[in-house]
Amino acid sequence: KPSSILYSYPKYIHSQKNTVFVGALHGRIHAKALAYIFADLFGDVVSVTIDTDEHEYPTGTGRVTFGNQNSFRNAIIANFIQIQSKKVSKRIQIEPYIDGQSCCSCSEENVPNFCKRT
């Protein structure tokens, strides 16, 4: 059964509001590192989830939840970021995450994972 790796700030109650889908993640990136990168670029990250397969190996996708709409929108506008370090160089995809809810931008219902119309 697939699982996920989670990094979150305990004072926040988590919801899918203000959440982005991130794709093309490097298999060696940790949720905590991704949280720091996104907080530095966009501000106010409250949780990061990195999806894993049945063997707990990262699948290259995940979600980042922001504490406010401004940080969320700035991440959506960026659409891609480049992560550079000694061990990792990767272009990361960013899209609105909507799993089972209506899109905040186009109002389409039950769009799977992320909306391309934003």
PDB file of N, CA and C in Angstrom:
ATOM      1  N   LYS A   1       0.845  -1.187   0.000  1.00  0.00           N
ATOM      2  CA  LYS A   1       0.000   0.000   0.000  1.00  0.00           C
ATOM      3  C   LYS A   1       0.888   1.248   0.000  1.00  0.00           C
ATOM      4  N   PRO A   2       0.673   2.190  -0.937  1.00  0.00           N
ATOM      5  CA  PRO A   2       1.469   3.405  -0.965  1.00  0.00           C
ATOM      6  C   PRO A   2       1.274   4.234   0.305  1.00  0.00           C
ATOM      7  N   SER A   3       2.319   4.897   0.703  1.00  0.00           N
ATOM      8  CA  SER A   3       2.258   5.749   1.883  1.00  0.00           C
ATOM      9  C   SER A   3       2.874   7.092   1.537  1.00  0.00           C
ATOM     10  N   SER A   4       3.235   7.859   2.545  1.00  0.00           N
ATOM     11  CA  SER A   4       3.856   9.147   2.290  1.00  0.00           C
ATOM     12  C   SER A   4       4.751   9.547   3.445  1.00  0.00           C
ATOM     13  N   ILE A   5       5.667  10.446   3.139  1.00  0.00           N
ATOM     14  CA  ILE A   5       6.564  11.013   4.137  1.00  0.00           C
ATOM     15  C   ILE A   5       6.051  12.416   4.404  1.00  0.00           C
ATOM     16  N   LEU A   6       5.834  12.758   5.661  1.00  0.00           N
ATOM     17  CA  LEU A   6       5.216  14.032   6.009  1.00  0.00           C
ATOM     18  C   LEU A   6       6.125  14.857   6.882  1.00  0.00           C
ATOM     19  N   TYR A   7       6.207  16.144   6.574  1.00  0.00           N
ATOM     20  CA  TYR A   7       6.855  17.110   7.448  1.00  0.00           C
ATOM     21  C   TYR A   7       5.832  18.204   7.689  1.00  0.00           C
ATOM     22  N   SER A   8       5.559  18.527   8.946  1.00  0.00           N
ATOM     23  CA  SER A   8       4.571  19.563   9.213  1.00  0.00           C
ATOM     24  C   SER A   8       4.896  20.309  10.487  1.00  0.00           C
ATOM     25  N   TYR A   9       4.350  21.515  10.570  1.00  0.00           N
ATOM     26  CA  TYR A   9       4.463  22.315  11.772  1.00  0.00           C
ATOM     27  C   TYR A   9       3.279  21.956  12.657  1.00  0.00           C
ATOM     28  N   PRO A  10       3.518  21.484  13.874  1.00  0.00           N
ATOM     29  CA  PRO A  10       2.442  20.933  14.709  1.00  0.00           C
ATOM     30  C   PRO A  10       1.339  21.913  15.098  1.00  0.00           C
ATOM     31  N   LYS A  11       1.596  23.226  15.060  1.00  0.00           N
ATOM     32  CA  LYS A  11       0.575  24.174  15.510  1.00  0.00           C
ATOM     33  C   LYS A  11      -0.553  24.387  14.498  1.00  0.00           C
ATOM     34  N   TYR A  12      -0.406  23.865  13.286  1.00  0.00           N
ATOM     35  CA  TYR A  12      -1.403  24.071  12.249  1.00  0.00           C
ATOM     36  C   TYR A  12      -2.317  22.865  12.091  1.00  0.00           C
ATOM     37  N   ILE A  13      -3.586  23.146  11.827  1.00  0.00           N
ATOM     38  CA  ILE A  13      -4.539  22.107  11.438  1.00  0.00           C
ATOM     39  C   ILE A  13      -4.468  22.035   9.918  1.00  0.00           C
ATOM     40  N   HIS A  14      -4.267  20.840   9.399  1.00  0.00           N
ATOM     41  CA  HIS A  14      -4.036  20.708   7.969  1.00  0.00           C
ATOM     42  C   HIS A  14      -5.331  20.484   7.203  1.00  0.00           C
ATOM     43  N   SER A  15      -5.385  21.114   6.052  1.00  0.00           N
ATOM     44  CA  SER A  15      -6.476  20.904   5.109  1.00  0.00           C
ATOM     45  C   SER A  15      -5.861  20.953   3.723  1.00  0.00           C
ATOM     46  N   GLN A  16      -6.655  20.687   2.701  1.00  0.00           N
ATOM     47  CA  GLN A  16      -6.140  20.737   1.336  1.00  0.00           C
ATOM     48  C   GLN A  16      -6.184  22.144   0.764  1.00  0.00           C
ATOM     49  N   LYS A  17      -6.777  23.074   1.489  1.00  0.00           N
ATOM     50  CA  LYS A  17      -6.815  24.454   1.021  1.00  0.00           C
ATOM     51  C   LYS A  17      -5.382  24.984   0.963  1.00  0.00           C
ATOM     52  N   ASN A  18      -5.077  25.753  -0.047  1.00  0.00           N
ATOM     53  CA  ASN A  18      -3.742  26.339  -0.240  1.00  0.00           C
ATOM     54  C   ASN A  18      -2.660  25.285  -0.434  1.00  0.00           C
ATOM     55  N   THR A  19      -3.011  24.173  -1.080  1.00  0.00           N
ATOM     56  CA  THR A  19      -2.071  23.086  -1.303  1.00  0.00           C
ATOM     57  C   THR A  19      -1.709  23.005  -2.779  1.00  0.00           C
ATOM     58  N   VAL A  20      -0.414  22.811  -3.049  1.00  0.00           N
ATOM     59  CA  VAL A  20       0.059  22.614  -4.415  1.00  0.00           C
ATOM     60  C   VAL A  20       0.568  21.196  -4.584  1.00  0.00           C
ATOM     61  N   PHE A  21       0.407  20.685  -5.799  1.00  0.00           N
ATOM     62  CA  PHE A  21       0.999  19.424  -6.213  1.00  0.00           C
ATOM     63  C   PHE A  21       2.409  19.739  -6.685  1.00  0.00           C
ATOM     64  N   VAL A  22       3.384  18.931  -6.280  1.00  0.00           N
ATOM     65  CA  VAL A  22       4.745  19.083  -6.783  1.00  0.00           C
ATOM     66  C   VAL A  22       5.146  17.794  -7.482  1.00  0.00           C
ATOM     67  N   GLY A  23       5.706  17.928  -8.668  1.00  0.00           N
ATOM     68  CA  GLY A  23       6.101  16.776  -9.448  1.00  0.00           C
ATOM     69  C   GLY A  23       7.549  16.868  -9.872  1.00  0.00           C
ATOM     70  N   ALA A  24       8.087  15.758 -10.329  1.00  0.00           N
ATOM     71  CA  ALA A  24       9.474  15.652 -10.774  1.00  0.00           C
ATOM     72  C   ALA A  24      10.459  15.840  -9.621  1.00  0.00           C
ATOM     73  N   LEU A  25      10.052  15.394  -8.427  1.00  0.00           N
ATOM     74  CA  LEU A  25      10.950  15.490  -7.269  1.00  0.00           C
ATOM     75  C   LEU A  25      12.076  14.469  -7.391  1.00  0.00           C
ATOM     76  N   HIS A  26      13.248  14.864  -6.984  1.00  0.00           N
ATOM     77  CA  HIS A  26      14.380  13.944  -6.937  1.00  0.00           C
ATOM     78  C   HIS A  26      14.139  12.953  -5.807  1.00  0.00           C
ATOM     79  N   GLY A  27      14.500  11.705  -5.993  1.00  0.00           N
ATOM     80  CA  GLY A  27      14.271  10.663  -4.993  1.00  0.00           C
ATOM     81  C   GLY A  27      15.009  10.864  -3.692  1.00  0.00           C
ATOM     82  N   ARG A  28      16.035  11.716  -3.669  1.00  0.00           N
ATOM     83  CA  ARG A  28      16.813  11.928  -2.453  1.00  0.00           C
ATOM     84  C   ARG A  28      16.390  13.164  -1.662  1.00  0.00           C
ATOM     85  N   ILE A  29      15.395  13.916  -2.158  1.00  0.00           N
ATOM     86  CA  ILE A  29      14.973  15.109  -1.426  1.00  0.00           C
ATOM     87  C   ILE A  29      14.066  14.718  -0.272  1.00  0.00           C
ATOM     88  N   HIS A  30      14.278  15.334   0.862  1.00  0.00           N
ATOM     89  CA  HIS A  30      13.495  15.070   2.066  1.00  0.00           C
ATOM     90  C   HIS A  30      12.379  16.104   2.210  1.00  0.00           C
ATOM     91  N   ALA A  31      11.313  15.723   2.871  1.00  0.00           N
ATOM     92  CA  ALA A  31      10.174  16.617   3.079  1.00  0.00           C
ATOM     93  C   ALA A  31      10.595  17.888   3.819  1.00  0.00           C
ATOM     94  N   LYS A  32      11.453  17.759   4.821  1.00  0.00           N
ATOM     95  CA  LYS A  32      11.899  18.926   5.584  1.00  0.00           C
ATOM     96  C   LYS A  32      12.684  19.894   4.695  1.00  0.00           C
ATOM     97  N   ALA A  33      13.549  19.357   3.838  1.00  0.00           N
ATOM     98  CA  ALA A  33      14.312  20.212   2.920  1.00  0.00           C
ATOM     99  C   ALA A  33      13.383  20.923   1.947  1.00  0.00           C
ATOM    100  N   LEU A  34      12.389  20.199   1.425  1.00  0.00           N
ATOM    101  CA  LEU A  34      11.431  20.802   0.511  1.00  0.00           C
ATOM    102  C   LEU A  34      10.635  21.904   1.212  1.00  0.00           C
ATOM    103  N   ALA A  35      10.291  21.682   2.473  1.00  0.00           N
ATOM    104  CA  ALA A  35       9.585  22.704   3.253  1.00  0.00           C
ATOM    105  C   ALA A  35      10.418  23.977   3.367  1.00  0.00           C
ATOM    106  N   TYR A  36      11.695  23.843   3.659  1.00  0.00           N
ATOM    107  CA  TYR A  36      12.582  25.008   3.773  1.00  0.00           C
ATOM    108  C   TYR A  36      12.719  25.736   2.438  1.00  0.00           C
ATOM    109  N   ILE A  37      12.855  24.993   1.346  1.00  0.00           N
ATOM    110  CA  ILE A  37      12.997  25.600   0.018  1.00  0.00           C
ATOM    111  C   ILE A  37      11.745  26.386  -0.344  1.00  0.00           C
ATOM    112  N   PHE A  38      10.576  25.765  -0.178  1.00  0.00           N
ATOM    113  CA  PHE A  38       9.320  26.438  -0.527  1.00  0.00           C
ATOM    114  C   PHE A  38       9.026  27.610   0.403  1.00  0.00           C
ATOM    115  N   ALA A  39       9.373  27.500   1.665  1.00  0.00           N
ATOM    116  CA  ALA A  39       9.172  28.613   2.606  1.00  0.00           C
ATOM    117  C   ALA A  39      10.071  29.782   2.231  1.00  0.00           C
ATOM    118  N   ASP A  40      11.293  29.486   1.840  1.00  0.00           N
ATOM    119  CA  ASP A  40      12.228  30.542   1.443  1.00  0.00           C
ATOM    120  C   ASP A  40      11.748  31.260   0.188  1.00  0.00           C
ATOM    121  N   LEU A  41      11.222  30.505  -0.774  1.00  0.00           N
ATOM    122  CA  LEU A  41      10.767  31.092  -2.033  1.00  0.00           C
ATOM    123  C   LEU A  41       9.397  31.754  -1.945  1.00  0.00           C
ATOM    124  N   PHE A  42       8.472  31.130  -1.214  1.00  0.00           N
ATOM    125  CA  PHE A  42       7.078  31.580  -1.244  1.00  0.00           C
ATOM    126  C   PHE A  42       6.509  31.962   0.118  1.00  0.00           C
ATOM    127  N   GLY A  43       7.130  31.516   1.215  1.00  0.00           N
ATOM    128  CA  GLY A  43       6.678  31.851   2.564  1.00  0.00           C
ATOM    129  C   GLY A  43       5.639  30.913   3.134  1.00  0.00           C
ATOM    130  N   ASP A  44       5.560  30.855   4.445  1.00  0.00           N
ATOM    131  CA  ASP A  44       4.495  30.226   5.236  1.00  0.00           C
ATOM    132  C   ASP A  44       4.084  28.805   4.814  1.00  0.00           C
ATOM    133  N   VAL A  45       5.025  27.878   4.799  1.00  0.00           N
ATOM    134  CA  VAL A  45       4.720  26.471   4.541  1.00  0.00           C
ATOM    135  C   VAL A  45       4.277  25.822   5.852  1.00  0.00           C
ATOM    136  N   VAL A  46       3.143  25.113   5.810  1.00  0.00           N
ATOM    137  CA  VAL A  46       2.664  24.438   7.026  1.00  0.00           C
ATOM    138  C   VAL A  46       2.837  22.927   6.981  1.00  0.00           C
ATOM    139  N   SER A  47       2.926  22.344   5.766  1.00  0.00           N
ATOM    140  CA  SER A  47       3.200  20.913   5.685  1.00  0.00           C
ATOM    141  C   SER A  47       3.706  20.539   4.296  1.00  0.00           C
ATOM    142  N   VAL A  48       4.466  19.452   4.262  1.00  0.00           N
ATOM    143  CA  VAL A  48       4.957  18.879   3.007  1.00  0.00           C
ATOM    144  C   VAL A  48       4.747  17.376   3.090  1.00  0.00           C
ATOM    145  N   THR A  49       4.190  16.808   2.047  1.00  0.00           N
ATOM    146  CA  THR A  49       4.012  15.367   1.950  1.00  0.00           C
ATOM    147  C   THR A  49       4.716  14.886   0.688  1.00  0.00           C
ATOM    148  N   ILE A  50       5.574  13.890   0.824  1.00  0.00           N
ATOM    149  CA  ILE A  50       6.213  13.262  -0.327  1.00  0.00           C
ATOM    150  C   ILE A  50       5.638  11.857  -0.453  1.00  0.00           C
ATOM    151  N   ASP A  51       5.061  11.556  -1.604  1.00  0.00           N
ATOM    152  CA  ASP A  51       4.425  10.257  -1.828  1.00  0.00           C
ATOM    153  C   ASP A  51       5.480   9.163  -1.983  1.00  0.00           C
ATOM    154  N   THR A  52       5.160   7.977  -1.461  1.00  0.00           N
ATOM    155  CA  THR A  52       6.050   6.822  -1.574  1.00  0.00           C
ATOM    156  C   THR A  52       5.266   5.617  -2.084  1.00  0.00           C
ATOM    157  N   ASP A  53       5.993   4.643  -2.627  1.00  0.00           N
ATOM    158  CA  ASP A  53       5.354   3.423  -3.100  1.00  0.00           C
ATOM    159  C   ASP A  53       5.229   2.402  -1.964  1.00  0.00           C
ATOM    160  N   GLU A  54       4.825   1.184  -2.302  1.00  0.00           N
ATOM    161  CA  GLU A  54       4.617   0.148  -1.276  1.00  0.00           C
ATOM    162  C   GLU A  54       5.909  -0.249  -0.562  1.00  0.00           C
ATOM    163  N   HIS A  55       7.064   0.101  -1.122  1.00  0.00           N
ATOM    164  CA  HIS A  55       8.356  -0.196  -0.494  1.00  0.00           C
ATOM    165  C   HIS A  55       8.929   1.028   0.220  1.00  0.00           C
ATOM    166  N   GLU A  56       8.100   2.083   0.331  1.00  0.00           N
ATOM    167  CA  GLU A  56       8.448   3.355   0.953  1.00  0.00           C
ATOM    168  C   GLU A  56       9.553   4.102   0.214  1.00  0.00           C
ATOM    169  N   TYR A  57       9.634   3.869  -1.110  1.00  0.00           N
ATOM    170  CA  TYR A  57      10.564   4.610  -1.953  1.00  0.00           C
ATOM    171  C   TYR A  57       9.806   5.789  -2.558  1.00  0.00           C
ATOM    172  N   PRO A  58      10.365   7.015  -2.507  1.00  0.00           N
ATOM    173  CA  PRO A  58       9.659   8.183  -3.046  1.00  0.00           C
ATOM    174  C   PRO A  58       9.297   8.017  -4.520  1.00  0.00           C
ATOM    175  N   THR A  59       8.072   8.424  -4.874  1.00  0.00           N
ATOM    176  CA  THR A  59       7.576   8.279  -6.244  1.00  0.00           C
ATOM    177  C   THR A  59       7.863   9.503  -7.111  1.00  0.00           C
ATOM    178  N   GLY A  60       8.373  10.572  -6.516  1.00  0.00           N
ATOM    179  CA  GLY A  60       8.680  11.782  -7.278  1.00  0.00           C
ATOM    180  C   GLY A  60       7.564  12.802  -7.282  1.00  0.00           C
ATOM    181  N   THR A  61       6.524  12.568  -6.480  1.00  0.00           N
ATOM    182  CA  THR A  61       5.416  13.520  -6.379  1.00  0.00           C
ATOM    183  C   THR A  61       5.133  13.828  -4.910  1.00  0.00           C
ATOM    184  N   GLY A  62       4.424  14.910  -4.686  1.00  0.00           N
ATOM    185  CA  GLY A  62       4.057  15.267  -3.326  1.00  0.00           C
ATOM    186  C   GLY A  62       3.160  16.484  -3.305  1.00  0.00           C
ATOM    187  N   ARG A  63       2.973  17.020  -2.118  1.00  0.00           N
ATOM    188  CA  ARG A  63       2.123  18.185  -1.908  1.00  0.00           C
ATOM    189  C   ARG A  63       2.757  19.106  -0.883  1.00  0.00           C
ATOM    190  N   VAL A  64       2.584  20.413  -1.101  1.00  0.00           N
ATOM    191  CA  VAL A  64       3.038  21.432  -0.151  1.00  0.00           C
ATOM    192  C   VAL A  64       1.823  22.275   0.206  1.00  0.00           C
ATOM    193  N   THR A  65       1.561  22.429   1.495  1.00  0.00           N
ATOM    194  CA  THR A  65       0.443  23.250   1.961  1.00  0.00           C
ATOM    195  C   THR A  65       0.990  24.526   2.578  1.00  0.00           C
ATOM    196  N   PHE A  66       0.417  25.642   2.152  1.00  0.00           N
ATOM    197  CA  PHE A  66       0.823  26.957   2.656  1.00  0.00           C
ATOM    198  C   PHE A  66      -0.188  27.464   3.676  1.00  0.00           C
ATOM    199  N   GLY A  67       0.261  28.341   4.537  1.00  0.00           N
ATOM    200  CA  GLY A  67      -0.596  28.902   5.577  1.00  0.00           C
ATOM    201  C   GLY A  67      -1.424  30.076   5.116  1.00  0.00           C
ATOM    202  N   ASN A  68      -1.185  30.552   3.895  1.00  0.00           N
ATOM    203  CA  ASN A  68      -1.976  31.679   3.408  1.00  0.00           C
ATOM    204  C   ASN A  68      -2.122  31.633   1.887  1.00  0.00           C
ATOM    205  N   GLN A  69      -3.118  32.332   1.390  1.00  0.00           N
ATOM    206  CA  GLN A  69      -3.455  32.353  -0.031  1.00  0.00           C
ATOM    207  C   GLN A  69      -2.363  33.016  -0.865  1.00  0.00           C
ATOM    208  N   ASN A  70      -1.691  34.030  -0.335  1.00  0.00           N
ATOM    209  CA  ASN A  70      -0.656  34.737  -1.084  1.00  0.00           C
ATOM    210  C   ASN A  70       0.524  33.818  -1.415  1.00  0.00           C
ATOM    211  N   SER A  71       0.988  33.058  -0.447  1.00  0.00           N
ATOM    212  CA  SER A  71       2.086  32.114  -0.677  1.00  0.00           C
ATOM    213  C   SER A  71       1.668  31.056  -1.691  1.00  0.00           C
ATOM    214  N   PHE A  72       0.453  30.552  -1.541  1.00  0.00           N
ATOM    215  CA  PHE A  72      -0.100  29.559  -2.468  1.00  0.00           C
ATOM    216  C   PHE A  72      -0.115  30.097  -3.902  1.00  0.00           C
ATOM    217  N   ARG A  73      -0.658  31.282  -4.091  1.00  0.00           N
ATOM    218  CA  ARG A  73      -0.748  31.876  -5.428  1.00  0.00           C
ATOM    219  C   ARG A  73       0.633  32.134  -6.034  1.00  0.00           C
ATOM    220  N   ASN A  74       1.584  32.597  -5.214  1.00  0.00           N
ATOM    221  CA  ASN A  74       2.942  32.836  -5.722  1.00  0.00           C
ATOM    222  C   ASN A  74       3.591  31.542  -6.210  1.00  0.00           C
ATOM    223  N   ALA A  75       3.326  30.448  -5.526  1.00  0.00           N
ATOM    224  CA  ALA A  75       3.856  29.151  -5.957  1.00  0.00           C
ATOM    225  C   ALA A  75       3.211  28.719  -7.269  1.00  0.00           C
ATOM    226  N   ILE A  76       1.906  28.918  -7.398  1.00  0.00           N
ATOM    227  CA  ILE A  76       1.184  28.559  -8.623  1.00  0.00           C
ATOM    228  C   ILE A  76       1.701  29.382  -9.804  1.00  0.00           C
ATOM    229  N   ILE A  77       1.906  30.664  -9.573  1.00  0.00           N
ATOM    230  CA  ILE A  77       2.400  31.546 -10.636  1.00  0.00           C
ATOM    231  C   ILE A  77       3.791  31.110 -11.094  1.00  0.00           C
ATOM    232  N   ALA A  78       4.631  30.678 -10.152  1.00  0.00           N
ATOM    233  CA  ALA A  78       5.993  30.237 -10.492  1.00  0.00           C
ATOM    234  C   ALA A  78       5.953  29.035 -11.434  1.00  0.00           C
ATOM    235  N   ASN A  79       5.029  28.104 -11.226  1.00  0.00           N
ATOM    236  CA  ASN A  79       4.805  26.905 -12.030  1.00  0.00           C
ATOM    237  C   ASN A  79       5.965  25.904 -12.006  1.00  0.00           C
ATOM    238  N   PHE A  80       7.197  26.372 -12.005  1.00  0.00           N
ATOM    239  CA  PHE A  80       8.382  25.516 -11.897  1.00  0.00           C
ATOM    240  C   PHE A  80       9.428  26.222 -11.052  1.00  0.00           C
ATOM    241  N   ILE A  81      10.228  25.454 -10.320  1.00  0.00           N
ATOM    242  CA  ILE A  81      11.407  25.996  -9.647  1.00  0.00           C
ATOM    243  C   ILE A  81      12.585  25.071  -9.932  1.00  0.00           C
ATOM    244  N   GLN A  82      13.774  25.624  -9.871  1.00  0.00           N
ATOM    245  CA  GLN A  82      14.986  24.852 -10.057  1.00  0.00           C
ATOM    246  C   GLN A  82      15.665  24.690  -8.700  1.00  0.00           C
ATOM    247  N   ILE A  83      15.901  23.442  -8.295  1.00  0.00           N
ATOM    248  CA  ILE A  83      16.599  23.172  -7.037  1.00  0.00           C
ATOM    249  C   ILE A  83      18.036  22.800  -7.377  1.00  0.00           C
ATOM    250  N   GLN A  84      18.979  23.527  -6.807  1.00  0.00           N
ATOM    251  CA  GLN A  84      20.401  23.290  -7.028  1.00  0.00           C
ATOM    252  C   GLN A  84      21.093  23.073  -5.687  1.00  0.00           C
ATOM    253  N   SER A  85      21.818  21.992  -5.561  1.00  0.00           N
ATOM    254  CA  SER A  85      22.659  21.753  -4.386  1.00  0.00           C
ATOM    255  C   SER A  85      23.822  20.874  -4.820  1.00  0.00           C
ATOM    256  N   LYS A  86      24.683  20.525  -3.881  1.00  0.00           N
ATOM    257  CA  LYS A  86      25.817  19.655  -4.205  1.00  0.00           C
ATOM    258  C   LYS A  86      25.344  18.291  -4.697  1.00  0.00           C
ATOM    259  N   LYS A  87      24.243  17.791  -4.150  1.00  0.00           N
ATOM    260  CA  LYS A  87      23.766  16.450  -4.474  1.00  0.00           C
ATOM    261  C   LYS A  87      22.585  16.413  -5.431  1.00  0.00           C
ATOM    262  N   VAL A  88      21.860  17.525  -5.567  1.00  0.00           N
ATOM    263  CA  VAL A  88      20.615  17.521  -6.343  1.00  0.00           C
ATOM    264  C   VAL A  88      20.551  18.732  -7.271  1.00  0.00           C
ATOM    265  N   SER A  89      20.185  18.489  -8.503  1.00  0.00           N
ATOM    266  CA  SER A  89      19.859  19.544  -9.458  1.00  0.00           C
ATOM    267  C   SER A  89      18.604  19.076 -10.184  1.00  0.00           C
ATOM    268  N   LYS A  90      17.497  19.765  -9.941  1.00  0.00           N
ATOM    269  CA  LYS A  90      16.223  19.263 -10.457  1.00  0.00           C
ATOM    270  C   LYS A  90      15.250  20.414 -10.681  1.00  0.00           C
ATOM    271  N   ARG A  91      14.496  20.340 -11.768  1.00  0.00           N
ATOM    272  CA  ARG A  91      13.411  21.285 -12.041  1.00  0.00           C
ATOM    273  C   ARG A  91      12.123  20.683 -11.503  1.00  0.00           C
ATOM    274  N   ILE A  92      11.467  21.381 -10.588  1.00  0.00           N
ATOM    275  CA  ILE A  92      10.271  20.889  -9.902  1.00  0.00           C
ATOM    276  C   ILE A  92       9.019  21.550 -10.482  1.00  0.00           C
ATOM    277  N   GLN A  93       8.023  20.739 -10.777  1.00  0.00           N
ATOM    278  CA  GLN A  93       6.733  21.211 -11.293  1.00  0.00           C
ATOM    279  C   GLN A  93       5.834  21.598 -10.123  1.00  0.00           C
ATOM    280  N   ILE A  94       5.078  22.687 -10.271  1.00  0.00           N
ATOM    281  CA  ILE A  94       4.131  23.136  -9.239  1.00  0.00           C
ATOM    282  C   ILE A  94       2.780  23.402  -9.892  1.00  0.00           C
ATOM    283  N   GLU A  95       1.732  22.778  -9.359  1.00  0.00           N
ATOM    284  CA  GLU A  95       0.364  22.945  -9.868  1.00  0.00           C
ATOM    285  C   GLU A  95      -0.597  22.999  -8.672  1.00  0.00           C
ATOM    286  N   PRO A  96      -1.783  23.604  -8.839  1.00  0.00           N
ATOM    287  CA  PRO A  96      -2.774  23.556  -7.756  1.00  0.00           C
ATOM    288  C   PRO A  96      -3.178  22.115  -7.475  1.00  0.00           C
ATOM    289  N   TYR A  97      -3.298  21.757  -6.219  1.00  0.00           N
ATOM    290  CA  TYR A  97      -3.725  20.412  -5.838  1.00  0.00           C
ATOM    291  C   TYR A  97      -5.201  20.455  -5.492  1.00  0.00           C
ATOM    292  N   ILE A  98      -6.007  19.600  -6.139  1.00  0.00           N
ATOM    293  CA  ILE A  98      -7.451  19.671  -5.934  1.00  0.00           C
ATOM    294  C   ILE A  98      -8.129  18.361  -5.589  1.00  0.00           C
ATOM    295  N   ASP A  99      -7.471  17.281  -5.559  1.00  0.00           N
ATOM    296  CA  ASP A  99      -7.990  15.940  -5.303  1.00  0.00           C
ATOM    297  C   ASP A  99      -9.389  15.888  -4.681  1.00  0.00           C
ATOM    298  N   GLY A 100     -10.406  15.684  -5.520  1.00  0.00           N
ATOM    299  CA  GLY A 100     -11.772  15.489  -5.043  1.00  0.00           C
ATOM    300  C   GLY A 100     -12.518  16.735  -4.645  1.00  0.00           C
ATOM    301  N   GLN A 101     -11.984  17.907  -4.910  1.00  0.00           N
ATOM    302  CA  GLN A 101     -12.696  19.138  -4.591  1.00  0.00           C
ATOM    303  C   GLN A 101     -12.740  20.023  -5.829  1.00  0.00           C
ATOM    304  N   SER A 102     -13.511  21.090  -5.786  1.00  0.00           N
ATOM    305  CA  SER A 102     -13.573  21.954  -6.959  1.00  0.00           C
ATOM    306  C   SER A 102     -12.361  22.880  -6.968  1.00  0.00           C
ATOM    307  N   CYS A 103     -11.920  23.209  -8.167  1.00  0.00           N
ATOM    308  CA  CYS A 103     -10.749  24.065  -8.347  1.00  0.00           C
ATOM    309  C   CYS A 103     -11.083  25.492  -7.914  1.00  0.00           C
ATOM    310  N   CYS A 104     -10.152  26.135  -7.213  1.00  0.00           N
ATOM    311  CA  CYS A 104     -10.375  27.502  -6.745  1.00  0.00           C
ATOM    312  C   CYS A 104     -10.316  28.517  -7.883  1.00  0.00           C
ATOM    313  N   SER A 105      -9.762  28.130  -9.024  1.00  0.00           N
ATOM    314  CA  SER A 105      -9.633  29.051 -10.150  1.00  0.00           C
ATOM    315  C   SER A 105     -10.687  28.843 -11.226  1.00  0.00           C
ATOM    316  N   CYS A 106     -10.891  27.594 -11.640  1.00  0.00           N
ATOM    317  CA  CYS A 106     -11.824  27.352 -12.751  1.00  0.00           C
ATOM    318  C   CYS A 106     -13.155  26.753 -12.291  1.00  0.00           C
ATOM    319  N   SER A 107     -13.284  26.373 -11.038  1.00  0.00           N
ATOM    320  CA  SER A 107     -14.497  25.821 -10.427  1.00  0.00           C
ATOM    321  C   SER A 107     -14.936  24.470 -10.981  1.00  0.00           C
ATOM    322  N   GLU A 108     -14.102  23.806 -11.767  1.00  0.00           N
ATOM    323  CA  GLU A 108     -14.436  22.468 -12.251  1.00  0.00           C
ATOM    324  C   GLU A 108     -14.439  21.504 -11.065  1.00  0.00           C
ATOM    325  N   GLU A 109     -15.393  20.599 -11.032  1.00  0.00           N
ATOM    326  CA  GLU A 109     -15.547  19.653  -9.924  1.00  0.00           C
ATOM    327  C   GLU A 109     -14.689  18.407 -10.104  1.00  0.00           C
ATOM    328  N   ASN A 110     -14.212  17.852  -8.991  1.00  0.00           N
ATOM    329  CA  ASN A 110     -13.499  16.571  -8.937  1.00  0.00           C
ATOM    330  C   ASN A 110     -12.380  16.415  -9.967  1.00  0.00           C
ATOM    331  N   VAL A 111     -11.550  17.425 -10.083  1.00  0.00           N
ATOM    332  CA  VAL A 111     -10.412  17.376 -10.986  1.00  0.00           C
ATOM    333  C   VAL A 111      -9.328  16.534 -10.310  1.00  0.00           C
ATOM    334  N   PRO A 112      -8.749  15.550 -11.001  1.00  0.00           N
ATOM    335  CA  PRO A 112      -7.756  14.689 -10.366  1.00  0.00           C
ATOM    336  C   PRO A 112      -6.412  15.379 -10.163  1.00  0.00           C
ATOM    337  N   ASN A 113      -5.967  15.478  -8.913  1.00  0.00           N
ATOM    338  CA  ASN A 113      -4.648  15.971  -8.500  1.00  0.00           C
ATOM    339  C   ASN A 113      -4.366  17.450  -8.733  1.00  0.00           C
ATOM    340  N   PHE A 114      -4.373  17.926  -9.966  1.00  0.00           N
ATOM    341  CA  PHE A 114      -4.069  19.333 -10.178  1.00  0.00           C
ATOM    342  C   PHE A 114      -4.787  19.861 -11.412  1.00  0.00           C
ATOM    343  N   CYS A 115      -5.000  21.162 -11.428  1.00  0.00           N
ATOM    344  CA  CYS A 115      -5.753  21.820 -12.492  1.00  0.00           C
ATOM    345  C   CYS A 115      -4.799  22.496 -13.467  1.00  0.00           C
ATOM    346  N   LYS A 116      -4.995  22.250 -14.736  1.00  0.00           N
ATOM    347  CA  LYS A 116      -4.153  22.863 -15.771  1.00  0.00           C
ATOM    348  C   LYS A 116      -4.666  24.222 -16.224  1.00  0.00           C
ATOM    349  N   ARG A 117      -5.819  24.634 -15.743  1.00  0.00           N
ATOM    350  CA  ARG A 117      -6.406  25.895 -16.223  1.00  0.00           C
ATOM    351  C   ARG A 117      -5.979  27.105 -15.422  1.00  0.00           C
ATOM    352  N   THR A 118      -5.262  26.936 -14.348  1.00  0.00           N
ATOM    353  CA  THR A 118      -4.875  28.078 -13.506  1.00  0.00           C
ATOM    354  C   THR A 118      -3.797  28.886 -14.144  1.00  0.00           C
TER     355      THR A 118
END
